[in-house]
Amino acid sequence: MDCKLPAIVLAGAPADPEMEARYSIKNRAELPIAGKTMLQHIVDALSASSHIGDIHVIGNTDCVGDVRRVEPRGTLIDNLIAGTEACSDADRILVCTSDIPAVSAEVIDDFISRCREPDVDFFYPVVTREDSERRFPGVKRTYAKTGDGTFTGGNIMLFRRRFMLENGDTIRQVIQQRKSVTKLASLLGYGTLIRVVVAQTICPCAIGLCDLERVAGRVVHGRVKAVRTPHAEIAADVDRLEHVADMERCLKEHVA
């Protein structure tokens, strides 16, 4: 990709009661990790990236740097749409959550360099279990088995602006129905859902990444691509209090 991409940072998630009580914070993005807030880690990484231009922060958390503020609207998809609308001149946009403090400019640039197919509407990173556990030993993550390996998903996305604006309602529906097996089956199809279950319990070869890409693309009316990356930082989110000590330990060990 020749021109620099705008970036959206989703920083509107509230801190859970334990985080708020221990650190006196209102938003999860304010959580201090290794000397600075999680949001500041993300903004610093994006600012140092050779592929990123304007940075839009969705949320009310302070940070240092040249960023553009966008008022949060409430839900994750509402905030995502708000950020997408703010990137008015863009074709493609990078989005990341504010809870992956280990991410670096090098990790971001590597991911973007892997998103080369011009006809893909939505790129999503996946990290193998082996790479995740090698980089963050002892930290529990959620994994999915496929015929191509066992993966965890990342917290960065790259998509076409037009695709997001045209399919926001569909994506909202997927997010709302993801925890209901019946409703999810109505979107994915019972055959696909059964194959996913079989892959997790009996035979991983029951479904592959290409199958999931095809089904996801059909649901959201676009072409979806799972991007394999060896950089586990892209999937190492800090969304619970017990993750804080693990992340600080891993960051210190990596620097050392």
C-alpha atoms as a PDB file:
ATOM      1  CA  MET A   1       0.000   0.000   0.000  1.00  0.00           C
ATOM      2  CA  ASP A   2       1.579   3.225  -1.204  1.00  0.00           C
ATOM      3  CA  CYS A   3      -0.267   5.938   0.767  1.00  0.00           C
ATOM      4  CA  LYS A   4      -0.569   6.222   4.504  1.00  0.00           C
ATOM      5  CA  LEU A   5      -3.735   4.903   6.129  1.00  0.00           C
ATOM      6  CA  PRO A   6      -5.825   6.674   8.746  1.00  0.00           C
ATOM      7  CA  ALA A   7      -6.151   4.784  12.023  1.00  0.00           C
ATOM      8  CA  ILE A   8      -9.036   4.515  14.454  1.00  0.00           C
ATOM      9  CA  VAL A   9      -8.412   3.636  18.109  1.00  0.00           C
ATOM     10  CA  LEU A  10     -11.441   2.323  19.983  1.00  0.00           C
ATOM     11  CA  ALA A  11     -10.969   3.705  23.494  1.00  0.00           C
ATOM     12  CA  GLY A  12     -14.510   3.991  24.814  1.00  0.00           C
ATOM     13  CA  ALA A  13     -14.852   0.764  26.809  1.00  0.00           C
ATOM     14  CA  PRO A  14     -15.582   1.375  30.518  1.00  0.00           C
ATOM     15  CA  ALA A  15     -13.316  -0.111  33.168  1.00  0.00           C
ATOM     16  CA  ASP A  16     -14.797  -3.034  35.031  1.00  0.00           C
ATOM     17  CA  PRO A  17     -15.546  -2.474  38.751  1.00  0.00           C
ATOM     18  CA  GLU A  18     -12.286  -4.110  39.897  1.00  0.00           C
ATOM     19  CA  MET A  19     -10.153  -1.969  37.603  1.00  0.00           C
ATOM     20  CA  GLU A  20     -12.023   1.166  38.596  1.00  0.00           C
ATOM     21  CA  ALA A  21     -11.612   0.420  42.303  1.00  0.00           C
ATOM     22  CA  ARG A  22      -7.917  -0.422  42.127  1.00  0.00           C
ATOM     23  CA  TYR A  23      -6.721   2.272  39.705  1.00  0.00           C
ATOM     24  CA  SER A  24      -9.414   4.981  40.086  1.00  0.00           C
ATOM     25  CA  ILE A  25     -10.133   4.993  36.362  1.00  0.00           C
ATOM     26  CA  LYS A  26     -13.369   5.220  34.381  1.00  0.00           C
ATOM     27  CA  ASN A  27     -12.205   3.839  31.025  1.00  0.00           C
ATOM     28  CA  ARG A  28     -10.199   0.681  30.348  1.00  0.00           C
ATOM     29  CA  ALA A  29      -7.906   2.680  28.038  1.00  0.00           C
ATOM     30  CA  GLU A  30      -6.658   4.589  31.109  1.00  0.00           C
ATOM     31  CA  LEU A  31      -5.231   1.436  32.685  1.00  0.00           C
ATOM     32  CA  PRO A  32      -1.525   1.994  33.485  1.00  0.00           C
ATOM     33  CA  ILE A  33       0.847  -0.601  32.033  1.00  0.00           C
ATOM     34  CA  ALA A  34       4.634  -0.314  32.290  1.00  0.00           C
ATOM     35  CA  GLY A  35       4.635   3.412  33.019  1.00  0.00           C
ATOM     36  CA  LYS A  36       1.910   4.731  30.713  1.00  0.00           C
ATOM     37  CA  THR A  37      -1.725   4.182  29.864  1.00  0.00           C
ATOM     38  CA  MET A  38      -2.744   1.470  27.432  1.00  0.00           C
ATOM     39  CA  LEU A  39      -4.061   4.139  25.076  1.00  0.00           C
ATOM     40  CA  GLN A  40      -0.704   5.910  25.103  1.00  0.00           C
ATOM     41  CA  HIS A  41       1.057   2.662  24.157  1.00  0.00           C
ATOM     42  CA  ILE A  42      -1.237   2.350  21.119  1.00  0.00           C
ATOM     43  CA  VAL A  43      -0.939   5.996  20.059  1.00  0.00           C
ATOM     44  CA  ASP A  44       2.859   5.837  20.340  1.00  0.00           C
ATOM     45  CA  ALA A  45       2.988   2.688  18.200  1.00  0.00           C
ATOM     46  CA  LEU A  46       0.693   4.141  15.539  1.00  0.00           C
ATOM     47  CA  SER A  47       2.588   7.441  15.499  1.00  0.00           C
ATOM     48  CA  ALA A  48       5.844   5.581  14.846  1.00  0.00           C
ATOM     49  CA  SER A  49       4.365   3.417  12.087  1.00  0.00           C
ATOM     50  CA  SER A  50       5.575   4.136   8.554  1.00  0.00           C
ATOM     51  CA  HIS A  51       2.147   3.226   7.136  1.00  0.00           C
ATOM     52  CA  ILE A  52      -0.140   5.315   9.385  1.00  0.00           C
ATOM     53  CA  GLY A  53      -1.247   8.901   8.832  1.00  0.00           C
ATOM     54  CA  ASP A  54      -4.039  10.550  10.843  1.00  0.00           C
ATOM     55  CA  ILE A  55      -4.963   8.911  14.149  1.00  0.00           C
ATOM     56  CA  HIS A  56      -8.561   9.161  15.390  1.00  0.00           C
ATOM     57  CA  VAL A  57      -9.264   8.287  19.034  1.00  0.00           C
ATOM     58  CA  ILE A  58     -12.839   7.336  19.902  1.00  0.00           C
ATOM     59  CA  GLY A  59     -13.213   8.003  23.613  1.00  0.00           C
ATOM     60  CA  ASN A  60     -12.656  10.487  26.410  1.00  0.00           C
ATOM     61  CA  THR A  61      -9.256   9.306  27.640  1.00  0.00           C
ATOM     62  CA  ASP A  62      -6.345  11.758  27.507  1.00  0.00           C
ATOM     63  CA  CYS A  63      -3.142  10.961  25.660  1.00  0.00           C
ATOM     64  CA  VAL A  64      -0.080  12.749  24.308  1.00  0.00           C
ATOM     65  CA  GLY A  65       0.381  13.045  20.569  1.00  0.00           C
ATOM     66  CA  ASP A  66      -1.096  14.363  17.361  1.00  0.00           C
ATOM     67  CA  VAL A  67      -4.523  12.741  17.431  1.00  0.00           C
ATOM     68  CA  ARG A  68      -8.009  13.684  16.354  1.00  0.00           C
ATOM     69  CA  ARG A  69     -10.759  13.238  18.914  1.00  0.00           C
ATOM     70  CA  VAL A  70     -14.084  11.654  17.987  1.00  0.00           C
ATOM     71  CA  GLU A  71     -16.936  11.685  20.483  1.00  0.00           C
ATOM     72  CA  PRO A  72     -18.004   8.133  21.418  1.00  0.00           C
ATOM     73  CA  ARG A  73     -21.557   7.100  20.552  1.00  0.00           C
ATOM     74  CA  GLY A  74     -22.033   4.115  22.859  1.00  0.00           C
ATOM     75  CA  THR A  75     -21.719   0.616  21.448  1.00  0.00           C
ATOM     76  CA  LEU A  76     -18.614  -0.807  19.788  1.00  0.00           C
ATOM     77  CA  ILE A  77     -20.160  -0.754  16.301  1.00  0.00           C
ATOM     78  CA  ASP A  78     -21.529   2.780  16.843  1.00  0.00           C
ATOM     79  CA  ASN A  79     -18.046   3.965  17.766  1.00  0.00           C
ATOM     80  CA  LEU A  80     -16.564   2.112  14.815  1.00  0.00           C
ATOM     81  CA  ILE A  81     -18.995   3.828  12.449  1.00  0.00           C
ATOM     82  CA  ALA A  82     -18.249   7.212  14.050  1.00  0.00           C
ATOM     83  CA  GLY A  83     -14.541   6.726  13.437  1.00  0.00           C
ATOM     84  CA  THR A  84     -15.131   5.497   9.888  1.00  0.00           C
ATOM     85  CA  GLU A  85     -17.226   8.568   9.093  1.00  0.00           C
ATOM     86  CA  ALA A  86     -14.439  10.779  10.467  1.00  0.00           C
ATOM     87  CA  CYS A  87     -11.959   9.304   7.959  1.00  0.00           C
ATOM     88  CA  SER A  88     -13.799  11.038   5.131  1.00  0.00           C
ATOM     89  CA  ASP A  89     -11.113  10.881   2.430  1.00  0.00           C
ATOM     90  CA  ALA A  90      -9.927   7.323   3.035  1.00  0.00           C
ATOM     91  CA  ASP A  91     -10.304   4.186   0.956  1.00  0.00           C
ATOM     92  CA  ARG A  92      -8.965   1.792   3.597  1.00  0.00           C
ATOM     93  CA  ILE A  93      -8.772   2.267   7.357  1.00  0.00           C
ATOM     94  CA  LEU A  94      -6.861   0.530  10.134  1.00  0.00           C
ATOM     95  CA  VAL A  95      -8.725  -0.011  13.400  1.00  0.00           C
ATOM     96  CA  CYS A  96      -7.312  -1.224  16.691  1.00  0.00           C
ATOM     97  CA  THR A  97      -8.581  -1.509  20.219  1.00  0.00           C
ATOM     98  CA  SER A  98      -6.863   0.352  23.030  1.00  0.00           C
ATOM     99  CA  ASP A  99      -6.139  -2.762  25.116  1.00  0.00           C
ATOM    100  CA  ILE A 100      -3.132  -4.282  23.282  1.00  0.00           C
ATOM    101  CA  PRO A 101      -0.265  -2.329  24.931  1.00  0.00           C
ATOM    102  CA  ALA A 102       2.484  -4.670  23.696  1.00  0.00           C
ATOM    103  CA  VAL A 103       1.853  -3.775  20.062  1.00  0.00           C
ATOM    104  CA  SER A 104       4.614  -1.829  18.307  1.00  0.00           C
ATOM    105  CA  ALA A 105       5.083   0.113  15.079  1.00  0.00           C
ATOM    106  CA  GLU A 106       6.924  -2.878  13.629  1.00  0.00           C
ATOM    107  CA  VAL A 107       3.984  -5.193  14.403  1.00  0.00           C
ATOM    108  CA  ILE A 108       1.506  -2.759  12.844  1.00  0.00           C
ATOM    109  CA  ASP A 109       3.635  -2.263   9.730  1.00  0.00           C
ATOM    110  CA  ASP A 110       4.081  -6.011   9.310  1.00  0.00           C
ATOM    111  CA  PHE A 111       0.328  -6.607   9.493  1.00  0.00           C
ATOM    112  CA  ILE A 112      -0.420  -3.878   6.956  1.00  0.00           C
ATOM    113  CA  SER A 113       2.237  -5.266   4.607  1.00  0.00           C
ATOM    114  CA  ARG A 114       0.408  -8.620   4.633  1.00  0.00           C
ATOM    115  CA  CYS A 115      -2.907  -7.022   3.576  1.00  0.00           C
ATOM    116  CA  ARG A 116      -2.085  -6.806  -0.103  1.00  0.00           C
ATOM    117  CA  GLU A 117      -5.055  -8.280  -1.973  1.00  0.00           C
ATOM    118  CA  PRO A 118      -6.792  -5.314  -3.658  1.00  0.00           C
ATOM    119  CA  ASP A 119     -10.232  -6.958  -3.778  1.00  0.00           C
ATOM    120  CA  VAL A 120     -10.479  -7.823  -0.062  1.00  0.00           C
ATOM    121  CA  ASP A 121     -12.930  -5.716   1.967  1.00  0.00           C
ATOM    122  CA  PHE A 122     -11.961  -6.819   5.478  1.00  0.00           C
ATOM    123  CA  PHE A 123      -8.617  -8.129   6.778  1.00  0.00           C
ATOM    124  CA  TYR A 124      -8.422  -9.766  10.208  1.00  0.00           C
ATOM    125  CA  PRO A 125      -5.233 -11.088  11.887  1.00  0.00           C
ATOM    126  CA  VAL A 126      -4.916 -14.572  13.380  1.00  0.00           C
ATOM    127  CA  VAL A 127      -2.048 -15.878  15.512  1.00  0.00           C
ATOM    128  CA  THR A 128      -1.192 -19.533  16.072  1.00  0.00           C
ATOM    129  CA  ARG A 129      -1.334 -20.925  19.567  1.00  0.00           C
ATOM    130  CA  GLU A 130       2.362 -21.758  19.334  1.00  0.00           C
ATOM    131  CA  ASP A 131       3.344 -18.159  18.544  1.00  0.00           C
ATOM    132  CA  SER A 132       1.016 -16.778  21.215  1.00  0.00           C
ATOM    133  CA  GLU A 133       2.317 -19.049  23.980  1.00  0.00           C
ATOM    134  CA  ARG A 134       5.929 -18.524  22.933  1.00  0.00           C
ATOM    135  CA  ARG A 135       5.601 -14.736  23.262  1.00  0.00           C
ATOM    136  CA  PHE A 136       3.300 -14.734  26.303  1.00  0.00           C
ATOM    137  CA  PRO A 137       3.949 -17.961  28.225  1.00  0.00           C
ATOM    138  CA  GLY A 138       1.390 -18.813  30.873  1.00  0.00           C
ATOM    139  CA  VAL A 139      -1.178 -16.255  29.677  1.00  0.00           C
ATOM    140  CA  LYS A 140      -4.555 -17.831  28.891  1.00  0.00           C
ATOM    141  CA  ARG A 141      -6.205 -16.979  25.577  1.00  0.00           C
ATOM    142  CA  THR A 142      -9.228 -18.235  23.679  1.00  0.00           C
ATOM    143  CA  TYR A 143      -8.301 -20.424  20.695  1.00  0.00           C
ATOM    144  CA  ALA A 144     -10.195 -21.979  17.808  1.00  0.00           C
ATOM    145  CA  LYS A 145      -9.166 -25.207  16.089  1.00  0.00           C
ATOM    146  CA  THR A 146      -9.187 -25.454  12.294  1.00  0.00           C
ATOM    147  CA  GLY A 147      -7.668 -27.722   9.699  1.00  0.00           C
ATOM    148  CA  ASP A 148      -4.970 -25.058   9.223  1.00  0.00           C
ATOM    149  CA  GLY A 149      -3.965 -24.887  12.891  1.00  0.00           C
ATOM    150  CA  THR A 150      -5.167 -23.553  16.236  1.00  0.00           C
ATOM    151  CA  PHE A 151      -5.550 -19.763  16.261  1.00  0.00           C
ATOM    152  CA  THR A 152      -6.499 -16.796  18.377  1.00  0.00           C
ATOM    153  CA  GLY A 153      -7.850 -13.624  16.810  1.00  0.00           C
ATOM    154  CA  GLY A 154      -6.183 -10.221  16.863  1.00  0.00           C
ATOM    155  CA  ASN A 155      -7.419  -6.817  17.954  1.00  0.00           C
ATOM    156  CA  ILE A 156      -6.538  -4.958  14.765  1.00  0.00           C
ATOM    157  CA  MET A 157      -8.541  -4.812  11.536  1.00  0.00           C
ATOM    158  CA  LEU A 158      -8.103  -3.241   8.142  1.00  0.00           C
ATOM    159  CA  PHE A 159     -11.144  -2.592   5.985  1.00  0.00           C
ATOM    160  CA  ARG A 160     -12.573  -0.548   3.151  1.00  0.00           C
ATOM    161  CA  ARG A 161     -14.395   2.543   4.378  1.00  0.00           C
ATOM    162  CA  ARG A 162     -17.256   2.055   1.928  1.00  0.00           C
ATOM    163  CA  PHE A 163     -17.696  -1.564   3.012  1.00  0.00           C
ATOM    164  CA  MET A 164     -18.042  -0.611   6.677  1.00  0.00           C
ATOM    165  CA  LEU A 165     -20.514   2.191   6.053  1.00  0.00           C
ATOM    166  CA  GLU A 166     -22.663   0.060   3.738  1.00  0.00           C
ATOM    167  CA  ASN A 167     -22.708  -3.008   6.022  1.00  0.00           C
ATOM    168  CA  GLY A 168     -22.698  -1.484   9.494  1.00  0.00           C
ATOM    169  CA  ASP A 169     -26.198  -2.774  10.324  1.00  0.00           C
ATOM    170  CA  THR A 170     -25.260  -6.325   9.311  1.00  0.00           C
ATOM    171  CA  ILE A 171     -22.078  -6.238  11.383  1.00  0.00           C
ATOM    172  CA  ARG A 172     -24.089  -4.890  14.308  1.00  0.00           C
ATOM    173  CA  GLN A 173     -26.450  -7.864  13.949  1.00  0.00           C
ATOM    174  CA  VAL A 174     -23.552 -10.331  13.990  1.00  0.00           C
ATOM    175  CA  ILE A 175     -22.105  -8.761  17.144  1.00  0.00           C
ATOM    176  CA  GLN A 176     -25.496  -8.786  18.882  1.00  0.00           C
ATOM    177  CA  GLN A 177     -26.218 -12.425  17.999  1.00  0.00           C
ATOM    178  CA  ARG A 178     -22.762 -13.926  18.559  1.00  0.00           C
ATOM    179  CA  LYS A 179     -23.664 -15.424  21.975  1.00  0.00           C
ATOM    180  CA  SER A 180     -26.889 -17.095  20.861  1.00  0.00           C
ATOM    181  CA  VAL A 181     -26.332 -20.451  19.153  1.00  0.00           C
ATOM    182  CA  THR A 182     -29.746 -20.368  17.479  1.00  0.00           C
ATOM    183  CA  LYS A 183     -29.405 -16.821  16.173  1.00  0.00           C
ATOM    184  CA  LEU A 184     -25.790 -17.409  15.128  1.00  0.00           C
ATOM    185  CA  ALA A 185     -26.845 -20.502  13.205  1.00  0.00           C
ATOM    186  CA  SER A 186     -29.456 -18.467  11.358  1.00  0.00           C
ATOM    187  CA  LEU A 187     -26.652 -16.201  10.144  1.00  0.00           C
ATOM    188  CA  LEU A 188     -23.906 -18.752   9.484  1.00  0.00           C
ATOM    189  CA  GLY A 189     -26.070 -21.727   8.563  1.00  0.00           C
ATOM    190  CA  TYR A 190     -26.490 -24.837  10.701  1.00  0.00           C
ATOM    191  CA  GLY A 191     -24.079 -26.812   8.529  1.00  0.00           C
ATOM    192  CA  THR A 192     -21.252 -24.368   9.171  1.00  0.00           C
ATOM    193  CA  LEU A 193     -22.013 -24.158  12.889  1.00  0.00           C
ATOM    194  CA  ILE A 194     -21.931 -27.955  13.187  1.00  0.00           C
ATOM    195  CA  ARG A 195     -18.584 -28.078  11.381  1.00  0.00           C
ATOM    196  CA  VAL A 196     -17.190 -25.469  13.783  1.00  0.00           C
ATOM    197  CA  VAL A 197     -18.336 -27.504  16.791  1.00  0.00           C
ATOM    198  CA  VAL A 198     -16.913 -30.724  15.333  1.00  0.00           C
ATOM    199  CA  ALA A 199     -13.601 -28.963  14.669  1.00  0.00           C
ATOM    200  CA  GLN A 200     -13.342 -27.865  18.311  1.00  0.00           C
ATOM    201  CA  THR A 201     -14.285 -31.227  19.801  1.00  0.00           C
ATOM    202  CA  ILE A 202     -13.447 -34.089  17.459  1.00  0.00           C
ATOM    203  CA  CYS A 203     -11.706 -33.266  14.182  1.00  0.00           C
ATOM    204  CA  PRO A 204     -10.033 -29.891  13.498  1.00  0.00           C
ATOM    205  CA  CYS A 205     -10.030 -30.694   9.781  1.00  0.00           C
ATOM    206  CA  ALA A 206     -13.833 -30.325   9.733  1.00  0.00           C
ATOM    207  CA  ILE A 207     -13.361 -26.670   8.819  1.00  0.00           C
ATOM    208  CA  GLY A 208     -10.526 -24.526   7.479  1.00  0.00           C
ATOM    209  CA  LEU A 209      -9.680 -20.835   7.438  1.00  0.00           C
ATOM    210  CA  CYS A 210     -10.814 -20.548   3.824  1.00  0.00           C
ATOM    211  CA  ASP A 211     -14.222 -21.970   4.802  1.00  0.00           C
ATOM    212  CA  LEU A 212     -14.584 -19.427   7.601  1.00  0.00           C
ATOM    213  CA  GLU A 213     -13.513 -16.617   5.270  1.00  0.00           C
ATOM    214  CA  ARG A 214     -16.126 -17.640   2.731  1.00  0.00           C
ATOM    215  CA  VAL A 215     -18.949 -17.887   5.289  1.00  0.00           C
ATOM    216  CA  ALA A 216     -18.000 -14.606   6.976  1.00  0.00           C
ATOM    217  CA  GLY A 217     -17.895 -12.908   3.593  1.00  0.00           C
ATOM    218  CA  ARG A 218     -21.361 -14.187   2.731  1.00  0.00           C
ATOM    219  CA  VAL A 219     -22.755 -12.934   6.042  1.00  0.00           C
ATOM    220  CA  VAL A 220     -21.259  -9.424   5.836  1.00  0.00           C
ATOM    221  CA  HIS A 221     -21.590  -9.046   2.058  1.00  0.00           C
ATOM    222  CA  GLY A 222     -17.911  -8.647   1.298  1.00  0.00           C
ATOM    223  CA  ARG A 223     -14.650 -10.486   0.869  1.00  0.00           C
ATOM    224  CA  VAL A 224     -13.007 -11.361   4.196  1.00  0.00           C
ATOM    225  CA  LYS A 225      -9.401 -12.478   4.637  1.00  0.00           C
ATOM    226  CA  ALA A 226      -7.738 -14.042   7.698  1.00  0.00           C
ATOM    227  CA  VAL A 227      -4.167 -12.765   7.821  1.00  0.00           C
ATOM    228  CA  ARG A 228      -1.672 -15.007   9.568  1.00  0.00           C
ATOM    229  CA  THR A 229       0.880 -13.094  11.609  1.00  0.00           C
ATOM    230  CA  PRO A 230       3.604 -14.394  13.938  1.00  0.00           C
ATOM    231  CA  HIS A 231       3.313 -11.288  16.133  1.00  0.00           C
ATOM    232  CA  ALA A 232       1.291 -12.357  19.174  1.00  0.00           C
ATOM    233  CA  GLU A 233       1.274  -8.783  20.495  1.00  0.00           C
ATOM    234  CA  ILE A 234      -1.562  -8.086  18.088  1.00  0.00           C
ATOM    235  CA  ALA A 235      -3.819 -10.494  20.013  1.00  0.00           C
ATOM    236  CA  ALA A 236      -2.616  -9.879  23.587  1.00  0.00           C
ATOM    237  CA  ASP A 237      -5.491  -7.840  24.968  1.00  0.00           C
ATOM    238  CA  VAL A 238      -5.710  -6.730  28.589  1.00  0.00           C
ATOM    239  CA  ASP A 239      -9.394  -6.931  29.436  1.00  0.00           C
ATOM    240  CA  ARG A 240      -9.230  -8.358  32.948  1.00  0.00           C
ATOM    241  CA  LEU A 241      -7.348  -7.369  36.067  1.00  0.00           C
ATOM    242  CA  GLU A 242      -5.276 -10.555  36.120  1.00  0.00           C
ATOM    243  CA  HIS A 243      -3.884  -9.694  32.691  1.00  0.00           C
ATOM    244  CA  VAL A 244      -2.134  -6.571  34.029  1.00  0.00           C
ATOM    245  CA  ALA A 245       0.649  -8.358  35.930  1.00  0.00           C
ATOM    246  CA  ASP A 246       1.121 -10.848  33.078  1.00  0.00           C
ATOM    247  CA  MET A 247       1.478  -8.053  30.518  1.00  0.00           C
ATOM    248  CA  GLU A 248       3.898  -6.018  32.620  1.00  0.00           C
ATOM    249  CA  ARG A 249       6.034  -9.116  33.220  1.00  0.00           C
ATOM    250  CA  CYS A 250       6.118 -10.008  29.535  1.00  0.00           C
ATOM    251  CA  LEU A 251       6.943  -6.459  28.469  1.00  0.00           C
ATOM    252  CA  LYS A 252       9.797  -6.220  30.975  1.00  0.00           C
ATOM    253  CA  GLU A 253      11.197  -9.582  29.919  1.00  0.00           C
ATOM    254  CA  HIS A 254      11.031  -8.583  26.246  1.00  0.00           C
ATOM    255  CA  VAL A 255      12.896  -5.315  26.875  1.00  0.00           C
ATOM    256  CA  ALA A 256      15.505  -7.109  28.976  1.00  0.00           C
END
